[in-house]
N, C-alpha and C. Protein backbone atom coordinates (compact mmCIF):
# COMPACT_ATOMS: atom_id res chain seq x y z
N UNK A 1 -17.92 -4.96 -2.54
CA UNK A 1 -17.34 -5.18 -1.00
C UNK A 1 -18.15 -4.32 -0.17
N UNK A 2 -18.98 -4.55 0.93
CA UNK A 2 -19.17 -3.84 1.92
C UNK A 2 -18.67 -3.77 3.12
N UNK A 3 -18.08 -2.76 3.61
CA UNK A 3 -17.43 -2.67 5.01
C UNK A 3 -17.95 -1.93 5.82
N UNK A 4 -18.42 -2.52 7.10
CA UNK A 4 -19.28 -1.98 8.30
C UNK A 4 -18.44 -1.82 9.38
N UNK A 5 -18.48 -0.57 9.76
CA UNK A 5 -17.57 -0.49 11.22
C UNK A 5 -18.62 -0.31 12.39
N UNK A 6 -18.21 -1.14 13.39
CA UNK A 6 -18.85 -0.96 14.63
C UNK A 6 -18.08 0.12 15.36
N UNK A 7 -19.06 0.99 16.00
CA UNK A 7 -18.77 2.04 16.85
C UNK A 7 -19.05 2.07 18.31
N UNK A 8 -18.34 2.25 19.32
CA UNK A 8 -18.92 1.81 20.63
C UNK A 8 -19.16 3.31 21.24
N UNK A 9 -20.41 3.48 21.42
CA UNK A 9 -20.94 4.94 21.99
C UNK A 9 -21.33 4.61 23.37
N UNK A 10 -20.98 5.56 24.23
CA UNK A 10 -21.78 5.70 25.41
C UNK A 10 -23.21 5.79 25.78
N UNK A 11 -24.06 5.61 26.32
CA UNK A 11 -25.38 6.06 26.54
C UNK A 11 -25.77 7.45 26.27
N UNK A 12 -24.83 8.20 27.13
CA UNK A 12 -24.95 9.61 27.06
C UNK A 12 -24.81 10.52 25.96
N UNK A 13 -24.02 9.70 24.67
CA UNK A 13 -23.68 10.38 23.76
C UNK A 13 -24.50 10.01 22.48
N UNK A 14 -24.73 11.28 21.64
CA UNK A 14 -25.60 11.19 20.53
C UNK A 14 -25.06 10.34 19.51
N UNK A 15 -25.89 9.25 18.91
CA UNK A 15 -25.44 8.26 17.91
C UNK A 15 -25.06 9.05 16.80
N UNK A 16 -23.79 8.56 16.26
CA UNK A 16 -23.51 8.94 14.96
C UNK A 16 -24.16 8.54 13.70
N UNK A 17 -24.58 9.43 12.78
CA UNK A 17 -24.97 9.14 11.51
C UNK A 17 -24.28 8.14 10.78
N UNK A 18 -24.72 7.34 10.29
CA UNK A 18 -23.93 6.31 9.59
C UNK A 18 -23.25 6.83 8.38
N UNK A 19 -21.99 6.58 8.12
CA UNK A 19 -21.28 6.79 7.02
C UNK A 19 -21.03 5.86 5.96
N UNK A 20 -21.28 6.54 4.76
CA UNK A 20 -21.02 5.53 3.79
C UNK A 20 -20.13 6.15 2.40
N UNK A 21 -19.32 5.60 2.37
CA UNK A 21 -17.93 5.98 1.34
C UNK A 21 -17.81 4.70 0.31
N UNK A 22 -17.62 5.24 -0.98
CA UNK A 22 -17.51 4.12 -2.10
C UNK A 22 -15.95 4.17 -2.64
N UNK A 23 -15.23 2.94 -2.56
CA UNK A 23 -13.98 2.87 -3.22
C UNK A 23 -14.51 2.06 -4.35
N UNK A 24 -13.91 2.63 -5.52
CA UNK A 24 -14.11 1.43 -7.04
C UNK A 24 -12.78 1.16 -7.27
N UNK A 25 -12.55 -0.05 -7.59
CA UNK A 25 -11.22 -0.46 -8.06
C UNK A 25 -11.69 -1.34 -9.31
N UNK A 26 -10.56 -1.31 -10.33
CA UNK A 26 -10.65 -2.10 -11.39
C UNK A 26 -9.69 -2.10 -12.38
N UNK A 27 -9.51 -3.15 -13.11
CA UNK A 27 -8.28 -3.52 -13.86
C UNK A 27 -7.97 -2.57 -14.78
N UNK A 28 -6.65 -1.99 -14.85
CA UNK A 28 -6.14 -1.08 -15.68
C UNK A 28 -5.94 -1.57 -17.10
N UNK A 29 -5.53 -2.70 -17.04
CA UNK A 29 -5.21 -3.35 -18.63
C UNK A 29 -5.82 -4.83 -18.42
N UNK A 30 -6.41 -5.55 -19.46
CA UNK A 30 -6.54 -6.72 -19.41
C UNK A 30 -5.70 -7.68 -18.92
N UNK A 31 -5.82 -8.61 -18.46
CA UNK A 31 -4.90 -9.75 -17.97
C UNK A 31 -3.69 -9.47 -17.35
N UNK A 32 -3.57 -8.15 -16.52
CA UNK A 32 -2.38 -7.55 -15.76
C UNK A 32 -2.86 -7.33 -14.51
N UNK A 33 -1.81 -7.01 -13.45
CA UNK A 33 -1.97 -6.64 -12.30
C UNK A 33 -2.39 -5.40 -11.94
N UNK A 34 -1.84 -4.47 -12.31
CA UNK A 34 -2.18 -3.07 -11.98
C UNK A 34 -3.79 -2.52 -12.24
N UNK A 35 -4.09 -2.14 -11.19
CA UNK A 35 -5.52 -1.80 -10.91
C UNK A 35 -5.59 -0.29 -10.49
N UNK A 36 -6.76 0.48 -11.12
CA UNK A 36 -7.15 1.82 -10.86
C UNK A 36 -8.10 1.78 -9.82
N UNK A 37 -7.76 2.80 -8.79
CA UNK A 37 -8.59 3.06 -7.61
C UNK A 37 -9.37 4.41 -7.49
N UNK A 38 -10.45 4.48 -7.32
CA UNK A 38 -11.25 5.76 -7.27
C UNK A 38 -11.94 6.04 -5.67
N UNK A 39 -11.62 7.24 -5.22
CA UNK A 39 -12.27 7.48 -4.14
C UNK A 39 -12.69 8.90 -4.20
N UNK A 40 -13.82 9.11 -4.09
CA UNK A 40 -14.40 10.31 -4.43
C UNK A 40 -13.72 11.46 -5.94
N UNK A 41 -13.05 12.26 -5.60
CA UNK A 41 -12.75 12.70 -6.87
C UNK A 41 -11.12 12.26 -6.96
N UNK A 42 -10.55 11.44 -6.15
CA UNK A 42 -9.10 10.97 -6.39
C UNK A 42 -9.02 9.57 -6.98
N UNK A 43 -7.95 9.50 -8.04
CA UNK A 43 -7.72 8.54 -8.74
C UNK A 43 -6.24 7.71 -8.30
N UNK A 44 -6.19 6.60 -7.78
CA UNK A 44 -4.42 6.29 -7.69
C UNK A 44 -4.45 4.86 -8.30
N UNK A 45 -3.27 4.25 -8.28
CA UNK A 45 -3.14 2.91 -8.76
C UNK A 45 -2.46 2.05 -7.63
N UNK A 46 -2.75 0.90 -8.10
CA UNK A 46 -2.04 -0.49 -7.28
C UNK A 46 -1.55 -1.26 -8.26
N UNK A 47 -0.29 -1.97 -7.61
CA UNK A 47 -0.01 -3.08 -8.59
C UNK A 47 0.55 -3.94 -7.44
N UNK A 48 1.19 -5.14 -8.02
CA UNK A 48 1.67 -6.34 -7.46
C UNK A 48 3.51 -5.95 -7.56
N UNK A 49 4.00 -6.44 -6.33
CA UNK A 49 5.50 -6.22 -6.63
C UNK A 49 6.38 -7.16 -7.77
N UNK A 50 7.24 -6.95 -8.33
CA UNK A 50 7.92 -8.05 -9.23
C UNK A 50 8.09 -9.28 -8.65
N UNK A 51 8.56 -9.42 -7.52
CA UNK A 51 8.57 -10.66 -6.82
C UNK A 51 7.26 -11.58 -6.72
N UNK A 52 6.17 -10.63 -6.90
CA UNK A 52 4.74 -11.42 -6.83
C UNK A 52 4.27 -11.51 -8.32
N UNK A 53 4.95 -11.23 -9.34
CA UNK A 53 4.57 -11.61 -10.51
C UNK A 53 3.96 -10.15 -11.19
N UNK A 54 4.05 -8.81 -10.44
CA UNK A 54 3.72 -7.72 -11.26
C UNK A 54 4.85 -6.89 -11.63
N UNK A 55 4.62 -5.64 -12.07
CA UNK A 55 5.71 -4.72 -12.46
C UNK A 55 6.02 -3.51 -11.55
N UNK A 56 5.47 -3.60 -10.23
CA UNK A 56 5.82 -2.70 -9.11
C UNK A 56 5.50 -1.27 -9.56
N UNK A 57 4.58 -1.29 -10.58
CA UNK A 57 4.39 0.26 -11.13
C UNK A 57 3.90 1.13 -10.04
N UNK A 58 3.40 0.74 -9.01
CA UNK A 58 2.41 1.52 -8.04
C UNK A 58 2.55 0.57 -6.64
N UNK A 59 2.18 1.22 -5.71
CA UNK A 59 2.19 0.58 -4.42
C UNK A 59 1.10 -0.51 -4.13
N UNK A 60 1.43 -1.49 -3.58
CA UNK A 60 0.64 -2.74 -3.37
C UNK A 60 -0.58 -2.40 -2.25
N UNK A 61 -1.48 -3.23 -2.45
CA UNK A 61 -2.61 -3.35 -1.17
C UNK A 61 -1.92 -3.26 0.32
N UNK A 62 -0.91 -4.16 0.45
CA UNK A 62 -0.46 -3.87 1.98
C UNK A 62 0.24 -2.75 1.91
N UNK A 63 1.06 -2.09 1.13
CA UNK A 63 1.40 -0.84 1.18
C UNK A 63 0.58 0.30 1.49
N UNK A 64 -0.89 0.31 0.76
CA UNK A 64 -1.84 0.98 1.18
C UNK A 64 -2.40 1.08 2.51
N UNK A 65 -2.44 -0.48 3.00
CA UNK A 65 -2.83 -0.50 4.41
C UNK A 65 -1.76 -0.04 5.44
N UNK A 66 -0.36 -0.21 4.92
CA UNK A 66 0.48 0.48 6.01
C UNK A 66 0.53 2.09 5.82
N UNK A 67 0.25 2.31 4.84
CA UNK A 67 0.02 3.93 4.48
C UNK A 67 -1.15 4.55 5.10
N UNK A 68 -1.98 3.87 5.30
CA UNK A 68 -3.14 4.34 5.61
C UNK A 68 -2.68 4.70 7.35
N UNK A 69 -2.24 3.94 8.01
CA UNK A 69 -2.00 3.99 9.47
C UNK A 69 -1.06 5.15 9.45
N UNK A 70 -0.03 5.16 8.54
CA UNK A 70 0.92 6.38 8.86
C UNK A 70 0.25 7.66 8.71
N UNK A 71 -0.73 7.74 7.37
CA UNK A 71 -1.38 9.13 7.33
C UNK A 71 -2.44 9.26 8.36
N UNK A 72 -2.94 8.63 8.97
CA UNK A 72 -3.96 8.84 10.00
C UNK A 72 -2.87 9.12 11.36
N UNK A 73 -2.04 8.75 11.61
CA UNK A 73 -1.27 9.12 12.62
C UNK A 73 -0.90 10.63 12.30
N UNK A 74 -0.05 10.74 11.34
CA UNK A 74 0.39 12.21 11.34
C UNK A 74 -0.77 13.20 11.19
N UNK A 75 -2.14 13.08 10.48
CA UNK A 75 -3.07 13.77 10.56
C UNK A 75 -3.73 14.00 11.77
N UNK A 76 -3.67 13.00 12.63
CA UNK A 76 -4.14 13.00 14.01
C UNK A 76 -3.30 14.01 14.77
N UNK A 77 -1.99 13.96 14.33
CA UNK A 77 -1.17 14.85 15.40
C UNK A 77 -1.28 16.33 14.96
N UNK A 78 -1.67 16.41 13.60
CA UNK A 78 -1.67 17.92 12.98
C UNK A 78 -3.24 18.53 13.63
N UNK A 79 -3.95 17.58 13.75
CA UNK A 79 -5.45 17.88 13.94
C UNK A 79 -5.17 18.08 15.62
N UNK A 80 -4.67 17.52 16.41
CA UNK A 80 -4.45 17.74 17.94
C UNK A 80 -3.79 18.54 18.05
N UNK A 81 -2.43 18.99 17.55
CA UNK A 81 -1.87 20.21 17.74
C UNK A 81 -2.65 21.55 17.60
N UNK A 82 -3.44 21.46 16.38
CA UNK A 82 -4.18 22.69 15.97
C UNK A 82 -5.13 22.74 17.10
N UNK A 83 -5.99 21.75 17.48
CA UNK A 83 -6.99 21.91 18.40
C UNK A 83 -6.88 22.51 19.44
N UNK A 84 -5.49 22.10 19.99
CA UNK A 84 -4.76 22.18 21.50
C UNK A 84 -3.70 23.64 21.46
N UNK A 85 -3.66 24.01 20.30
CA UNK A 85 -2.80 25.27 20.12
C UNK A 85 -1.23 24.71 20.47
N UNK A 86 -0.74 23.41 20.02
CA UNK A 86 0.60 23.02 20.29
C UNK A 86 1.55 23.49 19.03
N UNK A 87 2.90 24.00 19.12
CA UNK A 87 3.48 24.56 17.73
C UNK A 87 3.97 23.58 17.06
N UNK A 88 3.06 22.71 16.89
CA UNK A 88 3.69 21.47 15.67
C UNK A 88 3.96 21.99 14.45
N UNK A 89 5.19 22.05 14.10
CA UNK A 89 5.21 22.63 12.67
C UNK A 89 5.13 21.44 11.63
N UNK A 90 5.62 20.10 11.81
CA UNK A 90 5.46 19.19 10.83
C UNK A 90 5.80 17.72 11.44
N UNK A 91 4.99 16.66 11.21
CA UNK A 91 5.46 15.43 11.79
C UNK A 91 5.91 14.44 10.52
N UNK A 92 6.63 13.37 10.86
CA UNK A 92 7.06 12.25 10.10
C UNK A 92 6.50 11.12 10.97
N UNK A 93 5.94 10.26 10.03
CA UNK A 93 5.99 8.81 10.37
C UNK A 93 6.82 7.85 9.60
N UNK A 94 7.35 6.63 10.05
CA UNK A 94 8.07 5.89 9.58
C UNK A 94 7.22 4.50 9.91
N UNK A 95 6.84 3.67 8.93
CA UNK A 95 6.17 2.34 9.18
C UNK A 95 7.14 1.28 8.71
N UNK A 96 7.34 0.39 9.62
CA UNK A 96 7.96 -0.83 9.13
C UNK A 96 7.38 -2.13 9.56
N UNK A 97 7.23 -2.79 8.14
CA UNK A 97 6.26 -4.24 8.16
C UNK A 97 6.83 -5.16 8.39
N UNK A 98 6.43 -6.06 9.13
CA UNK A 98 6.88 -7.36 9.51
C UNK A 98 5.88 -8.27 9.04
N UNK A 99 5.75 -9.04 7.85
CA UNK A 99 4.89 -9.74 7.52
C UNK A 99 5.03 -11.40 7.69
N UNK A 100 6.13 -11.67 8.44
CA UNK A 100 6.57 -12.93 8.06
C UNK A 100 5.57 -13.96 8.55
N UNK A 101 4.84 -13.65 9.39
CA UNK A 101 3.95 -14.78 10.12
C UNK A 101 2.46 -14.15 9.89
N UNK A 102 2.33 -13.40 8.59
CA UNK A 102 0.87 -13.01 8.27
C UNK A 102 -0.26 -14.14 8.06
N UNK A 103 0.17 -15.21 7.55
CA UNK A 103 -0.47 -16.35 7.21
C UNK A 103 -0.80 -17.16 8.54
N UNK A 104 -0.12 -16.73 9.60
CA UNK A 104 -0.49 -17.35 10.95
C UNK A 104 -1.30 -16.51 11.45
N UNK A 105 -1.70 -15.39 11.12
CA UNK A 105 -2.59 -14.38 11.80
C UNK A 105 -2.04 -13.26 12.60
N UNK A 106 -0.51 -13.08 12.28
CA UNK A 106 0.23 -11.91 12.87
C UNK A 106 0.91 -11.01 11.79
N UNK A 107 0.50 -9.88 12.02
CA UNK A 107 1.17 -8.81 10.89
C UNK A 107 1.21 -7.52 12.00
N UNK A 108 2.83 -7.63 11.87
CA UNK A 108 3.50 -6.25 12.90
C UNK A 108 3.90 -5.01 12.33
N UNK A 109 3.34 -3.98 12.37
CA UNK A 109 3.58 -2.69 12.15
C UNK A 109 4.34 -1.58 13.05
N UNK A 110 5.75 -1.66 12.94
CA UNK A 110 6.52 -0.60 13.78
C UNK A 110 6.37 0.56 13.31
N UNK A 111 5.85 1.52 14.19
CA UNK A 111 5.72 2.78 14.00
C UNK A 111 6.67 3.96 14.49
N UNK A 112 7.38 4.62 13.88
CA UNK A 112 8.24 5.59 14.80
C UNK A 112 7.85 6.92 14.02
N UNK A 113 7.75 7.75 15.21
CA UNK A 113 7.18 8.96 14.96
C UNK A 113 8.07 10.27 15.06
N UNK A 114 8.10 11.39 14.48
CA UNK A 114 9.00 12.50 14.62
C UNK A 114 8.25 13.60 14.63
N UNK A 115 8.35 14.55 15.81
CA UNK A 115 7.39 15.80 15.83
C UNK A 115 8.47 17.05 15.73
N UNK A 116 8.19 18.05 14.87
CA UNK A 116 8.95 18.93 14.63
C UNK A 116 8.42 20.22 15.20
N UNK A 117 9.23 21.10 15.68
CA UNK A 117 8.73 22.42 16.22
C UNK A 117 9.04 22.55 17.64
N UNK A 118 9.06 23.92 18.09
CA UNK A 118 9.26 24.07 19.33
C UNK A 118 8.47 23.71 20.46
N UNK A 119 8.41 22.26 20.64
CA UNK A 119 7.68 21.51 21.54
C UNK A 119 8.39 21.28 22.83
N UNK A 120 7.43 21.37 23.87
CA UNK A 120 8.09 20.91 25.42
C UNK A 120 7.96 19.37 25.15
N UNK A 121 8.33 18.76 26.35
CA UNK A 121 8.33 17.16 26.77
C UNK A 121 6.97 16.76 26.95
N UNK A 122 6.13 17.77 27.33
CA UNK A 122 5.04 17.49 28.03
C UNK A 122 3.88 17.71 26.68
N UNK A 123 4.17 18.48 25.62
CA UNK A 123 3.53 18.71 24.59
C UNK A 123 3.77 17.35 23.57
N UNK A 124 5.00 16.90 23.48
CA UNK A 124 5.16 15.90 22.72
C UNK A 124 4.46 14.40 23.34
N UNK A 125 4.60 14.32 24.69
CA UNK A 125 3.77 13.33 25.36
C UNK A 125 2.28 13.21 24.67
N UNK A 126 1.78 14.37 24.94
CA UNK A 126 0.17 14.81 24.54
C UNK A 126 0.11 14.32 23.11
N UNK A 127 1.13 14.72 22.31
CA UNK A 127 0.98 14.30 20.61
C UNK A 127 1.11 12.80 20.66
N UNK A 128 1.97 12.13 21.23
CA UNK A 128 1.88 10.22 21.34
C UNK A 128 0.71 9.98 21.79
N UNK A 129 0.31 10.54 23.01
CA UNK A 129 -1.19 9.94 23.35
C UNK A 129 -2.34 10.07 22.16
N UNK A 130 -2.28 10.99 21.86
CA UNK A 130 -3.44 11.36 20.70
C UNK A 130 -2.87 10.48 19.28
N UNK A 131 -1.89 10.29 18.96
CA UNK A 131 -1.79 9.58 17.53
C UNK A 131 -1.81 7.99 18.03
N UNK A 132 -1.70 7.80 19.25
CA UNK A 132 -2.09 6.11 19.68
C UNK A 132 -3.45 5.78 19.55
N UNK A 133 -4.34 6.82 19.61
CA UNK A 133 -5.78 6.54 19.86
C UNK A 133 -6.24 7.05 18.11
N UNK A 134 -5.52 7.07 17.11
CA UNK A 134 -5.92 7.71 15.76
C UNK A 134 -7.16 6.67 15.08
N UNK A 135 -8.00 7.07 14.76
CA UNK A 135 -8.97 6.45 14.08
C UNK A 135 -8.76 5.15 13.26
N UNK A 136 -7.73 4.98 12.62
CA UNK A 136 -7.36 3.69 11.66
C UNK A 136 -6.52 2.96 12.50
N UNK A 137 -5.73 3.33 13.47
CA UNK A 137 -5.03 2.52 14.68
C UNK A 137 -6.26 1.62 15.36
N UNK A 138 -7.15 2.32 15.70
CA UNK A 138 -8.37 1.62 16.51
C UNK A 138 -9.31 0.63 15.61
N UNK A 139 -9.26 1.14 14.25
CA UNK A 139 -9.97 0.41 13.29
C UNK A 139 -9.14 -0.98 12.91
N UNK A 140 -7.78 -0.71 12.97
CA UNK A 140 -7.30 -2.01 12.70
C UNK A 140 -7.07 -2.94 13.83
N UNK A 141 -7.09 -2.22 15.06
CA UNK A 141 -6.73 -3.38 16.33
C UNK A 141 -7.98 -3.78 17.16
N UNK A 142 -9.06 -2.85 17.17
CA UNK A 142 -10.42 -3.05 17.96
C UNK A 142 -11.79 -3.09 17.53
N UNK A 143 -11.87 -2.84 16.24
CA UNK A 143 -13.12 -2.55 15.79
C UNK A 143 -13.63 -3.94 15.03
N UNK A 144 -14.81 -4.20 15.11
CA UNK A 144 -15.20 -5.48 14.48
C UNK A 144 -15.66 -5.03 13.10
N UNK A 145 -14.82 -5.28 12.13
CA UNK A 145 -14.78 -5.25 10.48
C UNK A 145 -15.31 -6.27 9.98
N UNK A 146 -16.70 -6.04 9.30
CA UNK A 146 -17.63 -7.16 8.60
C UNK A 146 -17.30 -6.83 7.08
N UNK A 147 -16.91 -7.72 6.20
CA UNK A 147 -16.62 -7.58 4.84
C UNK A 147 -17.61 -8.55 3.96
N UNK A 148 -18.52 -7.87 3.48
CA UNK A 148 -19.68 -8.73 2.61
C UNK A 148 -19.10 -8.66 1.23
N UNK A 149 -18.87 -9.86 0.69
CA UNK A 149 -18.33 -9.77 -0.79
C UNK A 149 -19.59 -10.19 -1.64
N UNK A 150 -19.79 -9.42 -2.76
CA UNK A 150 -21.02 -9.97 -3.69
C UNK A 150 -20.36 -9.13 -5.07
N UNK A 151 -21.39 -10.00 -6.15
CA UNK A 151 -21.36 -9.57 -7.45
C UNK A 151 -21.69 -8.07 -7.55
N UNK A 152 -20.95 -7.46 -8.51
CA UNK A 152 -21.56 -5.67 -8.89
C UNK A 152 -23.00 -6.22 -9.48
N UNK A 153 -23.91 -5.34 -9.20
CA UNK A 153 -25.08 -5.31 -10.03
C UNK A 153 -24.93 -5.60 -11.50
N UNK A 154 -25.61 -6.32 -12.34
CA UNK A 154 -25.61 -6.48 -13.60
C UNK A 154 -24.68 -7.43 -14.21
N UNK A 155 -23.88 -8.20 -13.20
CA UNK A 155 -22.69 -8.94 -13.75
C UNK A 155 -22.95 -10.56 -13.24
């Protein structure tokens, strides 16, 4: 699977060098749903819920999709606070998924955030504005994502 991201750049900015990351996923046990995923030096698992016929031994693909958004928003808040010297001590994100109409093309994620620390109203507003533009949020909502699926070499 090849994932290509479209980046919108202004004529006055320097073009970004294309980044290439590889994610490898394979079946953990023959004829079962659980999968092993490797990204750089990290290894984690995925499974299908019991309702979907799996054992729910790990988060499912949709859980990771939702978690990517939560992680991006909280990381963006921490990065922004550090860059702008905002006294953010910690941040929490809660994602609620409504996938009732997913097959009709609608997937709703309700994000609730809480910023902890001695923050002014203006600092909280700045943090909310920053996390609204986190890279994964933009990837999910405004980027032309192209997925090319092909056999692995040698198969």
